[in-house]
Structure formats: structure tokens, C-alpha cells
Amino acid sequence: RREQEVKRREEALAGAGVVLEKPNWPPFLPIIHHDIANEIPIHLQKM
């Protein structure tokens, strides 16, 4: 029930345009959210 509730809230936030940013960098001690390959358009990734 709790997992379903959390999933429902995440979907609601995503539908409202709010992006949940979970820390994932650096890999050995994640403190910031950083995912250029999946979140930045390809033509802007180099910059």
C-alpha cells in the first residue's frame, strides 16, 4: 500500500511538471543529481 501511494504521488508530481531528482553522483557517494545522457537533449550534451 505504501509503495502504491509513493508511486501515485510521483506520477502526480510528474504530471504537474515537477521532476524528482534523486542523488546519483558521484557513484561512490551520491550527493547530487546528474544525468546528462538521459535528461539533456543530444544536441546540447556537449555544451
All heavy atoms as atom14 arrays in JSON, in Angstrom:
{
  "sequence": "RREQEVKRREEALAGAGVVLEKPNWPPFLPIIHHDIANEIPIHLQKM",
  "atom14_mask": [
    [1, 1, 1, 1, 1, 1, 1, 1, 1, 1, 1, 0, 0, 0],
    [1, 1, 1, 1, 1, 1, 1, 1, 1, 1, 1, 0, 0, 0],
    [1, 1, 1, 1, 1, 1, 1, 1, 1, 0, 0, 0, 0, 0],
    [1, 1, 1, 1, 1, 1, 1, 1, 1, 0, 0, 0, 0, 0],
    [1, 1, 1, 1, 1, 1, 1, 1, 1, 0, 0, 0, 0, 0],
    [1, 1, 1, 1, 1, 1, 1, 0, 0, 0, 0, 0, 0, 0],
    [1, 1, 1, 1, 1, 1, 1, 1, 1, 0, 0, 0, 0, 0],
    [1, 1, 1, 1, 1, 1, 1, 1, 1, 1, 1, 0, 0, 0],
    [1, 1, 1, 1, 1, 1, 1, 1, 1, 1, 1, 0, 0, 0],
    [1, 1, 1, 1, 1, 1, 1, 1, 1, 0, 0, 0, 0, 0],
    [1, 1, 1, 1, 1, 1, 1, 1, 1, 0, 0, 0, 0, 0],
    [1, 1, 1, 1, 1, 0, 0, 0, 0, 0, 0, 0, 0, 0],
    [1, 1, 1, 1, 1, 1, 1, 1, 0, 0, 0, 0, 0, 0],
    [1, 1, 1, 1, 1, 0, 0, 0, 0, 0, 0, 0, 0, 0],
    [1, 1, 1, 1, 0, 0, 0, 0, 0, 0, 0, 0, 0, 0],
    [1, 1, 1, 1, 1, 0, 0, 0, 0, 0, 0, 0, 0, 0],
    [1, 1, 1, 1, 0, 0, 0, 0, 0, 0, 0, 0, 0, 0],
    [1, 1, 1, 1, 1, 1, 1, 0, 0, 0, 0, 0, 0, 0],
    [1, 1, 1, 1, 1, 1, 1, 0, 0, 0, 0, 0, 0, 0],
    [1, 1, 1, 1, 1, 1, 1, 1, 0, 0, 0, 0, 0, 0],
    [1, 1, 1, 1, 1, 1, 1, 1, 1, 0, 0, 0, 0, 0],
    [1, 1, 1, 1, 1, 1, 1, 1, 1, 0, 0, 0, 0, 0],
    [1, 1, 1, 1, 1, 1, 1, 0, 0, 0, 0, 0, 0, 0],
    [1, 1, 1, 1, 1, 1, 1, 1, 0, 0, 0, 0, 0, 0],
    [1, 1, 1, 1, 1, 1, 1, 1, 1, 1, 1, 1, 1, 1],
    [1, 1, 1, 1, 1, 1, 1, 0, 0, 0, 0, 0, 0, 0],
    [1, 1, 1, 1, 1, 1, 1, 0, 0, 0, 0, 0, 0, 0],
    [1, 1, 1, 1, 1, 1, 1, 1, 1, 1, 1, 0, 0, 0],
    [1, 1, 1, 1, 1, 1, 1, 1, 0, 0, 0, 0, 0, 0],
    [1, 1, 1, 1, 1, 1, 1, 0, 0, 0, 0, 0, 0, 0],
    [1, 1, 1, 1, 1, 1, 1, 1, 0, 0, 0, 0, 0, 0],
    [1, 1, 1, 1, 1, 1, 1, 1, 0, 0, 0, 0, 0, 0],
    [1, 1, 1, 1, 1, 1, 1, 1, 1, 1, 0, 0, 0, 0],
    [1, 1, 1, 1, 1, 1, 1, 1, 1, 1, 0, 0, 0, 0],
    [1, 1, 1, 1, 1, 1, 1, 1, 0, 0, 0, 0, 0, 0],
    [1, 1, 1, 1, 1, 1, 1, 1, 0, 0, 0, 0, 0, 0],
    [1, 1, 1, 1, 1, 0, 0, 0, 0, 0, 0, 0, 0, 0],
    [1, 1, 1, 1, 1, 1, 1, 1, 0, 0, 0, 0, 0, 0],
    [1, 1, 1, 1, 1, 1, 1, 1, 1, 0, 0, 0, 0, 0],
    [1, 1, 1, 1, 1, 1, 1, 1, 0, 0, 0, 0, 0, 0],
    [1, 1, 1, 1, 1, 1, 1, 0, 0, 0, 0, 0, 0, 0],
    [1, 1, 1, 1, 1, 1, 1, 1, 0, 0, 0, 0, 0, 0],
    [1, 1, 1, 1, 1, 1, 1, 1, 1, 1, 0, 0, 0, 0],
    [1, 1, 1, 1, 1, 1, 1, 1, 0, 0, 0, 0, 0, 0],
    [1, 1, 1, 1, 1, 1, 1, 1, 1, 0, 0, 0, 0, 0],
    [1, 1, 1, 1, 1, 1, 1, 1, 1, 0, 0, 0, 0, 0],
    [1, 1, 1, 1, 1, 1, 1, 1, 0, 0, 0, 0, 0, 0]
  ],
  "atom14_positions": [
    [[0.82, -1.21, 0.0], [0.0, 0.0, 0.0], [0.86, 1.26, 0.0], [0.58, 2.22, -0.73], [-0.92, -0.01, 1.23], [-1.87, 1.18, 1.31], [-2.65, 1.13, 2.61], [-1.78, 1.14, 3.78], [-1.22, 2.25, 4.27], [-1.43, 3.42, 3.68], [-0.45, 2.17, 5.33], [0.0, 0.0, 0.0], [0.0, 0.0, 0.0], [0.0, 0.0, 0.0]],
    [[1.93, 1.25, 0.78], [2.82, 2.41, 0.83], [3.53, 2.63, -0.51], [3.68, 3.77, -0.97], [3.85, 2.24, 1.94], [3.25, 2.32, 3.35], [4.33, 2.2, 4.41], [3.79, 2.24, 5.75], [4.52, 2.16, 6.86], [5.84, 2.03, 6.77], [3.95, 2.2, 8.05], [0.0, 0.0, 0.0], [0.0, 0.0, 0.0], [0.0, 0.0, 0.0]],
    [[4.0, 1.55, -1.13], [4.65, 1.67, -2.43], [3.7, 2.25, -3.47], [4.08, 3.09, -4.28], [5.17, 0.3, -2.87], [6.35, -0.21, -2.07], [6.79, -1.59, -2.52], [6.14, -2.14, -3.43], [7.77, -2.11, -1.95], [0.0, 0.0, 0.0], [0.0, 0.0, 0.0], [0.0, 0.0, 0.0], [0.0, 0.0, 0.0], [0.0, 0.0, 0.0]],
    [[2.47, 1.8, -3.45], [1.49, 2.32, -4.39], [1.21, 3.79, -4.14], [1.05, 4.57, -5.08], [0.2, 1.5, -4.3], [0.33, 0.07, -4.8], [-0.95, -0.73, -4.6], [-1.86, -0.29, -3.89], [-1.01, -1.9, -5.21], [0.0, 0.0, 0.0], [0.0, 0.0, 0.0], [0.0, 0.0, 0.0], [0.0, 0.0, 0.0], [0.0, 0.0, 0.0]],
    [[1.19, 4.18, -2.86], [0.95, 5.59, -2.52], [2.11, 6.46, -3.0], [1.89, 7.55, -3.57], [0.78, 5.73, -1.01], [0.5, 7.14, -0.53], [-0.85, 7.66, -0.97], [-1.72, 6.83, -1.34], [-1.05, 8.89, -0.94], [0.0, 0.0, 0.0], [0.0, 0.0, 0.0], [0.0, 0.0, 0.0], [0.0, 0.0, 0.0], [0.0, 0.0, 0.0]],
    [[3.34, 6.0, -2.78], [4.51, 6.76, -3.24], [4.52, 6.87, -4.77], [4.8, 7.94, -5.34], [5.81, 6.09, -2.74], [7.03, 6.72, -3.39], [5.91, 6.2, -1.23], [0.0, 0.0, 0.0], [0.0, 0.0, 0.0], [0.0, 0.0, 0.0], [0.0, 0.0, 0.0], [0.0, 0.0, 0.0], [0.0, 0.0, 0.0], [0.0, 0.0, 0.0]],
    [[4.2, 5.77, -5.44], [4.15, 5.78, -6.9], [3.08, 6.73, -7.41], [3.28, 7.46, -8.38], [3.9, 4.37, -7.41], [3.97, 4.24, -8.92], [3.79, 2.79, -9.35], [3.89, 2.67, -10.87], [3.7, 1.26, -11.31], [0.0, 0.0, 0.0], [0.0, 0.0, 0.0], [0.0, 0.0, 0.0], [0.0, 0.0, 0.0], [0.0, 0.0, 0.0]],
    [[1.94, 6.75, -6.73], [0.86, 7.65, -7.14], [1.28, 9.11, -6.98], [1.0, 9.95, -7.85], [-0.38, 7.37, -6.29], [-1.61, 8.15, -6.72], [-2.75, 7.93, -5.75], [-2.43, 8.42, -4.42], [-2.51, 9.71, -4.06], [-2.86, 10.62, -4.95], [-2.2, 10.07, -2.84], [0.0, 0.0, 0.0], [0.0, 0.0, 0.0], [0.0, 0.0, 0.0]],
    [[1.99, 9.42, -5.89], [2.45, 10.8, -5.69], [3.49, 11.19, -6.73], [3.47, 12.33, -7.24], [3.04, 10.93, -4.28], [2.01, 10.84, -3.17], [2.66, 10.99, -1.81], [1.69, 10.89, -0.72], [2.01, 10.94, 0.56], [3.28, 11.1, 0.93], [1.06, 10.84, 1.49], [0.0, 0.0, 0.0], [0.0, 0.0, 0.0], [0.0, 0.0, 0.0]],
    [[4.41, 10.27, -7.04], [5.41, 10.56, -8.07], [4.76, 10.82, -9.42], [5.16, 11.74, -10.14], [6.41, 9.4, -8.17], [7.32, 9.26, -6.96], [8.26, 8.08, -7.1], [8.1, 7.3, -8.06], [9.17, 7.95, -6.25], [0.0, 0.0, 0.0], [0.0, 0.0, 0.0], [0.0, 0.0, 0.0], [0.0, 0.0, 0.0], [0.0, 0.0, 0.0]],
    [[3.76, 10.03, -9.77], [3.06, 10.24, -11.03], [2.32, 11.57, -11.04], [2.27, 12.26, -12.06], [2.09, 9.09, -11.28], [2.77, 7.75, -11.56], [1.78, 6.62, -11.71], [0.58, 6.86, -11.43], [2.2, 5.51, -12.09], [0.0, 0.0, 0.0], [0.0, 0.0, 0.0], [0.0, 0.0, 0.0], [0.0, 0.0, 0.0], [0.0, 0.0, 0.0]],
    [[1.75, 11.94, -9.89], [1.05, 13.22, -9.81], [2.02, 14.39, -9.97], [1.72, 15.36, -10.67], [0.31, 13.31, -8.47], [0.0, 0.0, 0.0], [0.0, 0.0, 0.0], [0.0, 0.0, 0.0], [0.0, 0.0, 0.0], [0.0, 0.0, 0.0], [0.0, 0.0, 0.0], [0.0, 0.0, 0.0], [0.0, 0.0, 0.0], [0.0, 0.0, 0.0]],
    [[3.18, 14.29, -9.33], [4.18, 15.35, -9.47], [4.71, 15.43, -10.89], [4.93, 16.51, -11.43], [5.33, 15.11, -8.48], [4.99, 15.29, -6.99], [6.17, 14.87, -6.13], [4.64, 16.75, -6.71], [0.0, 0.0, 0.0], [0.0, 0.0, 0.0], [0.0, 0.0, 0.0], [0.0, 0.0, 0.0], [0.0, 0.0, 0.0], [0.0, 0.0, 0.0]],
    [[4.95, 14.26, -11.5], [5.43, 14.25, -12.87], [4.39, 14.86, -13.81], [4.73, 15.58, -14.76], [5.76, 12.82, -13.3], [0.0, 0.0, 0.0], [0.0, 0.0, 0.0], [0.0, 0.0, 0.0], [0.0, 0.0, 0.0], [0.0, 0.0, 0.0], [0.0, 0.0, 0.0], [0.0, 0.0, 0.0], [0.0, 0.0, 0.0], [0.0, 0.0, 0.0]],
    [[3.11, 14.58, -13.55], [2.06, 15.17, -14.38], [1.97, 16.67, -14.21], [1.56, 17.38, -15.13], [0.0, 0.0, 0.0], [0.0, 0.0, 0.0], [0.0, 0.0, 0.0], [0.0, 0.0, 0.0], [0.0, 0.0, 0.0], [0.0, 0.0, 0.0], [0.0, 0.0, 0.0], [0.0, 0.0, 0.0], [0.0, 0.0, 0.0], [0.0, 0.0, 0.0]],
    [[2.36, 17.17, -13.04], [2.35, 18.61, -12.8], [3.61, 19.29, -13.27], [3.78, 20.5, -13.1], [2.15, 18.88, -11.31], [0.0, 0.0, 0.0], [0.0, 0.0, 0.0], [0.0, 0.0, 0.0], [0.0, 0.0, 0.0], [0.0, 0.0, 0.0], [0.0, 0.0, 0.0], [0.0, 0.0, 0.0], [0.0, 0.0, 0.0], [0.0, 0.0, 0.0]],
    [[4.53, 18.53, -13.85], [5.77, 19.12, -14.36], [6.89, 19.19, -13.36], [7.92, 19.81, -13.6], [0.0, 0.0, 0.0], [0.0, 0.0, 0.0], [0.0, 0.0, 0.0], [0.0, 0.0, 0.0], [0.0, 0.0, 0.0], [0.0, 0.0, 0.0], [0.0, 0.0, 0.0], [0.0, 0.0, 0.0], [0.0, 0.0, 0.0], [0.0, 0.0, 0.0]],
    [[6.72, 18.58, -12.2], [7.75, 18.57, -11.16], [8.6, 17.31, -11.33], [8.08, 16.2, -11.35], [7.13, 18.59, -9.76], [8.21, 18.55, -8.7], [6.26, 19.83, -9.59], [0.0, 0.0, 0.0], [0.0, 0.0, 0.0], [0.0, 0.0, 0.0], [0.0, 0.0, 0.0], [0.0, 0.0, 0.0], [0.0, 0.0, 0.0], [0.0, 0.0, 0.0]],
    [[9.91, 17.49, -11.47], [10.83, 16.38, -11.68], [11.5, 16.02, -10.35], [12.09, 16.89, -9.69], [11.92, 16.72, -12.72], [12.85, 15.54, -12.92], [11.27, 17.11, -14.04], [0.0, 0.0, 0.0], [0.0, 0.0, 0.0], [0.0, 0.0, 0.0], [0.0, 0.0, 0.0], [0.0, 0.0, 0.0], [0.0, 0.0, 0.0], [0.0, 0.0, 0.0]],
    [[11.36, 14.78, -9.95], [12.01, 14.31, -8.72], [13.46, 13.98, -9.02], [13.75, 13.15, -9.88], [11.27, 13.08, -8.18], [9.82, 13.31, -7.75], [9.2, 12.0, -7.3], [9.75, 14.33, -6.63], [0.0, 0.0, 0.0], [0.0, 0.0, 0.0], [0.0, 0.0, 0.0], [0.0, 0.0, 0.0], [0.0, 0.0, 0.0], [0.0, 0.0, 0.0]],
    [[14.36, 14.63, -8.33], [15.79, 14.46, -8.6], [16.42, 13.7, -7.44], [16.57, 14.22, -6.34], [16.45, 15.83, -8.77], [15.89, 16.61, -9.96], [16.53, 17.98, -10.08], [17.19, 18.42, -9.11], [16.39, 18.61, -11.14], [0.0, 0.0, 0.0], [0.0, 0.0, 0.0], [0.0, 0.0, 0.0], [0.0, 0.0, 0.0], [0.0, 0.0, 0.0]],
    [[16.78, 12.47, -7.7], [17.43, 11.63, -6.69], [18.94, 11.71, -6.88], [19.43, 11.62, -8.0], [16.95, 10.19, -6.81], [15.47, 10.01, -6.56], [15.06, 8.55, -6.69], [13.56, 8.37, -6.43], [13.15, 6.96, -6.57], [0.0, 0.0, 0.0], [0.0, 0.0, 0.0], [0.0, 0.0, 0.0], [0.0, 0.0, 0.0], [0.0, 0.0, 0.0]],
    [[19.69, 11.89, -5.8], [21.16, 11.94, -5.92], [21.72, 10.67, -6.54], [21.36, 9.56, -6.15], [21.63, 12.11, -4.47], [20.45, 12.7, -3.76], [19.24, 12.12, -4.42], [0.0, 0.0, 0.0], [0.0, 0.0, 0.0], [0.0, 0.0, 0.0], [0.0, 0.0, 0.0], [0.0, 0.0, 0.0], [0.0, 0.0, 0.0], [0.0, 0.0, 0.0]],
    [[22.6, 10.83, -7.53], [23.2, 9.67, -8.19], [24.67, 9.9, -8.56], [25.27, 9.06, -9.24], [22.42, 9.3, -9.45], [22.38, 10.43, -10.47], [22.84, 11.55, -10.2], [21.84, 10.16, -11.64], [0.0, 0.0, 0.0], [0.0, 0.0, 0.0], [0.0, 0.0, 0.0], [0.0, 0.0, 0.0], [0.0, 0.0, 0.0], [0.0, 0.0, 0.0]],
    [[25.24, 11.06, -8.13], [26.64, 11.34, -8.48], [27.31, 12.02, -7.29], [26.7, 12.87, -6.64], [26.71, 12.26, -9.7], [28.07, 12.3, -10.32], [28.54, 11.52, -11.33], [29.14, 13.19, -9.95], [29.84, 11.85, -11.61], [30.23, 12.87, -10.78], [29.29, 14.19, -9.0], [31.45, 13.53, -10.68], [30.49, 14.85, -8.89], [31.56, 14.52, -9.74]],
    [[28.57, 11.69, -6.99], [29.37, 10.61, -7.6], [28.84, 9.23, -7.22], [28.16, 9.1, -6.19], [30.76, 10.85, -7.02], [30.52, 11.59, -5.73], [29.3, 12.43, -5.94], [0.0, 0.0, 0.0], [0.0, 0.0, 0.0], [0.0, 0.0, 0.0], [0.0, 0.0, 0.0], [0.0, 0.0, 0.0], [0.0, 0.0, 0.0], [0.0, 0.0, 0.0]],
    [[29.15, 8.21, -8.02], [28.57, 6.88, -7.77], [28.9, 6.3, -6.4], [28.07, 5.62, -5.8], [29.16, 6.03, -8.9], [29.54, 7.0, -9.97], [29.95, 8.25, -9.25], [0.0, 0.0, 0.0], [0.0, 0.0, 0.0], [0.0, 0.0, 0.0], [0.0, 0.0, 0.0], [0.0, 0.0, 0.0], [0.0, 0.0, 0.0], [0.0, 0.0, 0.0]],
    [[30.1, 6.59, -5.9], [30.51, 6.01, -4.62], [29.9, 6.74, -3.42], [29.81, 6.18, -2.34], [32.04, 5.99, -4.49], [32.67, 7.35, -4.66], [32.83, 8.19, -3.58], [33.11, 7.76, -5.91], [33.41, 9.44, -3.73], [33.7, 9.01, -6.07], [33.84, 9.85, -4.98], [0.0, 0.0, 0.0], [0.0, 0.0, 0.0], [0.0, 0.0, 0.0]],
    [[29.44, 7.99, -3.61], [28.81, 8.74, -2.53], [27.86, 9.76, -3.15], [28.18, 10.94, -3.26], [29.86, 9.44, -1.65], [29.32, 10.2, -0.43], [28.64, 9.23, 0.53], [30.45, 10.95, 0.28], [0.0, 0.0, 0.0], [0.0, 0.0, 0.0], [0.0, 0.0, 0.0], [0.0, 0.0, 0.0], [0.0, 0.0, 0.0], [0.0, 0.0, 0.0]],
    [[26.68, 9.32, -3.58], [25.77, 10.23, -4.3], [25.32, 11.4, -3.43], [24.77, 11.22, -2.36], [24.59, 9.32, -4.65], [25.11, 7.92, -4.57], [26.15, 7.95, -3.48], [0.0, 0.0, 0.0], [0.0, 0.0, 0.0], [0.0, 0.0, 0.0], [0.0, 0.0, 0.0], [0.0, 0.0, 0.0], [0.0, 0.0, 0.0], [0.0, 0.0, 0.0]],
    [[25.6, 12.62, -3.91], [25.17, 13.81, -3.19], [24.4, 14.78, -4.09], [23.71, 15.66, -3.59], [26.38, 14.55, -2.56], [27.43, 14.86, -3.63], [26.97, 13.75, -1.43], [28.62, 15.65, -3.11], [0.0, 0.0, 0.0], [0.0, 0.0, 0.0], [0.0, 0.0, 0.0], [0.0, 0.0, 0.0], [0.0, 0.0, 0.0], [0.0, 0.0, 0.0]],
    [[24.52, 14.62, -5.42], [23.79, 15.48, -6.34], [23.13, 14.62, -7.42], [23.54, 13.47, -7.64], [24.71, 16.53, -7.01], [25.77, 15.85, -7.88], [25.35, 17.44, -5.98], [26.6, 16.81, -8.71], [0.0, 0.0, 0.0], [0.0, 0.0, 0.0], [0.0, 0.0, 0.0], [0.0, 0.0, 0.0], [0.0, 0.0, 0.0], [0.0, 0.0, 0.0]],
    [[22.15, 15.21, -8.08], [21.51, 14.53, -9.21], [22.16, 15.0, -10.5], [22.24, 16.2, -10.76], [20.01, 14.83, -9.24], [19.31, 14.21, -10.42], [18.94, 12.88, -10.44], [18.95, 14.74, -11.62], [18.36, 12.61, -11.59], [18.34, 13.71, -12.33], [0.0, 0.0, 0.0], [0.0, 0.0, 0.0], [0.0, 0.0, 0.0], [0.0, 0.0, 0.0]],
    [[22.64, 14.05, -11.31], [23.37, 14.42, -12.52], [23.23, 13.29, -13.54], [23.76, 12.2, -13.35], [24.85, 14.65, -12.19], [25.6, 15.37, -13.27], [26.48, 14.75, -14.12], [25.58, 16.68, -13.63], [26.98, 15.63, -14.96], [26.44, 16.81, -14.68], [0.0, 0.0, 0.0], [0.0, 0.0, 0.0], [0.0, 0.0, 0.0], [0.0, 0.0, 0.0]],
    [[22.49, 13.57, -14.64], [22.24, 12.54, -15.65], [22.1, 13.2, -17.01], [21.01, 13.29, -17.58], [20.98, 11.75, -15.29], [20.85, 10.47, -16.12], [21.77, 10.19, -16.9], [19.83, 9.78, -15.98], [0.0, 0.0, 0.0], [0.0, 0.0, 0.0], [0.0, 0.0, 0.0], [0.0, 0.0, 0.0], [0.0, 0.0, 0.0], [0.0, 0.0, 0.0]],
    [[23.23, 13.68, -17.54], [23.21, 14.4, -18.81], [22.72, 13.51, -19.95], [21.94, 13.94, -20.8], [24.62, 14.95, -19.11], [25.02, 16.0, -18.07], [24.67, 15.57, -20.51], [26.41, 16.54, -18.24], [0.0, 0.0, 0.0], [0.0, 0.0, 0.0], [0.0, 0.0, 0.0], [0.0, 0.0, 0.0], [0.0, 0.0, 0.0], [0.0, 0.0, 0.0]],
    [[23.17, 12.27, -19.97], [22.86, 11.38, -21.09], [21.36, 11.15, -21.26], [20.88, 10.96, -22.39], [23.58, 10.05, -20.91], [0.0, 0.0, 0.0], [0.0, 0.0, 0.0], [0.0, 0.0, 0.0], [0.0, 0.0, 0.0], [0.0, 0.0, 0.0], [0.0, 0.0, 0.0], [0.0, 0.0, 0.0], [0.0, 0.0, 0.0], [0.0, 0.0, 0.0]],
    [[20.61, 11.16, -20.16], [19.18, 10.85, -20.23], [18.27, 12.06, -20.11], [17.08, 11.97, -20.45], [18.81, 9.85, -19.13], [19.48, 8.5, -19.33], [19.58, 8.01, -20.45], [19.94, 7.91, -18.25], [0.0, 0.0, 0.0], [0.0, 0.0, 0.0], [0.0, 0.0, 0.0], [0.0, 0.0, 0.0], [0.0, 0.0, 0.0], [0.0, 0.0, 0.0]],
    [[18.78, 13.19, -19.63], [17.92, 14.34, -19.37], [18.19, 15.54, -20.26], [17.33, 16.43, -20.37], [18.04, 14.76, -17.89], [17.53, 13.71, -16.92], [17.61, 14.14, -15.48], [18.34, 15.12, -15.19], [16.96, 13.51, -14.63], [0.0, 0.0, 0.0], [0.0, 0.0, 0.0], [0.0, 0.0, 0.0], [0.0, 0.0, 0.0], [0.0, 0.0, 0.0]],
    [[19.35, 15.62, -20.87], [19.7, 16.75, -21.71], [19.58, 16.34, -23.18], [20.02, 15.25, -23.55], [21.14, 17.24, -21.42], [21.3, 17.55, -19.92], [21.47, 18.46, -22.24], [20.37, 18.62, -19.4], [0.0, 0.0, 0.0], [0.0, 0.0, 0.0], [0.0, 0.0, 0.0], [0.0, 0.0, 0.0], [0.0, 0.0, 0.0], [0.0, 0.0, 0.0]],
    [[18.96, 17.17, -24.02], [18.87, 16.84, -25.45], [20.25, 16.56, -26.06], [21.25, 17.16, -25.65], [18.24, 18.09, -26.06], [17.46, 18.71, -24.93], [18.25, 18.42, -23.69], [0.0, 0.0, 0.0], [0.0, 0.0, 0.0], [0.0, 0.0, 0.0], [0.0, 0.0, 0.0], [0.0, 0.0, 0.0], [0.0, 0.0, 0.0], [0.0, 0.0, 0.0]],
    [[20.28, 15.68, -27.03], [21.55, 15.21, -27.58], [22.37, 16.37, -28.14], [23.6, 16.42, -27.94], [21.29, 14.16, -28.68], [20.64, 12.92, -28.07], [22.6, 13.77, -29.38], [20.28, 11.85, -29.07], [0.0, 0.0, 0.0], [0.0, 0.0, 0.0], [0.0, 0.0, 0.0], [0.0, 0.0, 0.0], [0.0, 0.0, 0.0], [0.0, 0.0, 0.0]],
    [[21.74, 17.32, -28.82], [22.5, 18.41, -29.45], [23.05, 19.41, -28.42], [23.84, 20.3, -28.79], [21.63, 19.14, -30.47], [20.42, 19.81, -29.87], [19.33, 19.1, -29.41], [20.15, 21.12, -29.63], [18.42, 19.94, -28.93], [18.89, 21.17, -29.05], [0.0, 0.0, 0.0], [0.0, 0.0, 0.0], [0.0, 0.0, 0.0], [0.0, 0.0, 0.0]],
    [[22.65, 19.28, -27.15], [23.15, 20.18, -26.1], [24.08, 19.48, -25.11], [24.62, 20.12, -24.22], [21.97, 20.79, -25.34], [20.98, 21.61, -26.15], [19.83, 22.07, -25.27], [21.67, 22.81, -26.79], [0.0, 0.0, 0.0], [0.0, 0.0, 0.0], [0.0, 0.0, 0.0], [0.0, 0.0, 0.0], [0.0, 0.0, 0.0], [0.0, 0.0, 0.0]],
    [[24.24, 18.19, -25.29], [25.01, 17.43, -24.3], [26.49, 17.83, -24.28], [27.11, 17.85, -23.21], [24.87, 15.93, -24.57], [23.5, 15.38, -24.24], [23.4, 13.89, -24.43], [24.38, 13.21, -24.75], [22.19, 13.33, -24.28], [0.0, 0.0, 0.0], [0.0, 0.0, 0.0], [0.0, 0.0, 0.0], [0.0, 0.0, 0.0], [0.0, 0.0, 0.0]],
    [[27.05, 18.15, -25.43], [28.47, 18.54, -25.47], [28.7, 19.78, -24.63], [29.65, 19.84, -23.83], [28.92, 18.77, -26.91], [30.38, 19.17, -27.02], [30.8, 19.41, -28.46], [32.25, 19.85, -28.55], [32.68, 20.1, -29.96], [0.0, 0.0, 0.0], [0.0, 0.0, 0.0], [0.0, 0.0, 0.0], [0.0, 0.0, 0.0], [0.0, 0.0, 0.0]],
    [[27.86, 20.78, -24.8], [28.0, 22.01, -24.01], [27.86, 21.72, -22.52], [28.6, 22.27, -21.7], [26.95, 23.04, -24.45], [27.3, 23.78, -25.73], [26.16, 25.14, -26.05], [24.69, 24.23, -26.51], [0.0, 0.0, 0.0], [0.0, 0.0, 0.0], [0.0, 0.0, 0.0], [0.0, 0.0, 0.0], [0.0, 0.0, 0.0], [0.0, 0.0, 0.0]]
  ]
}
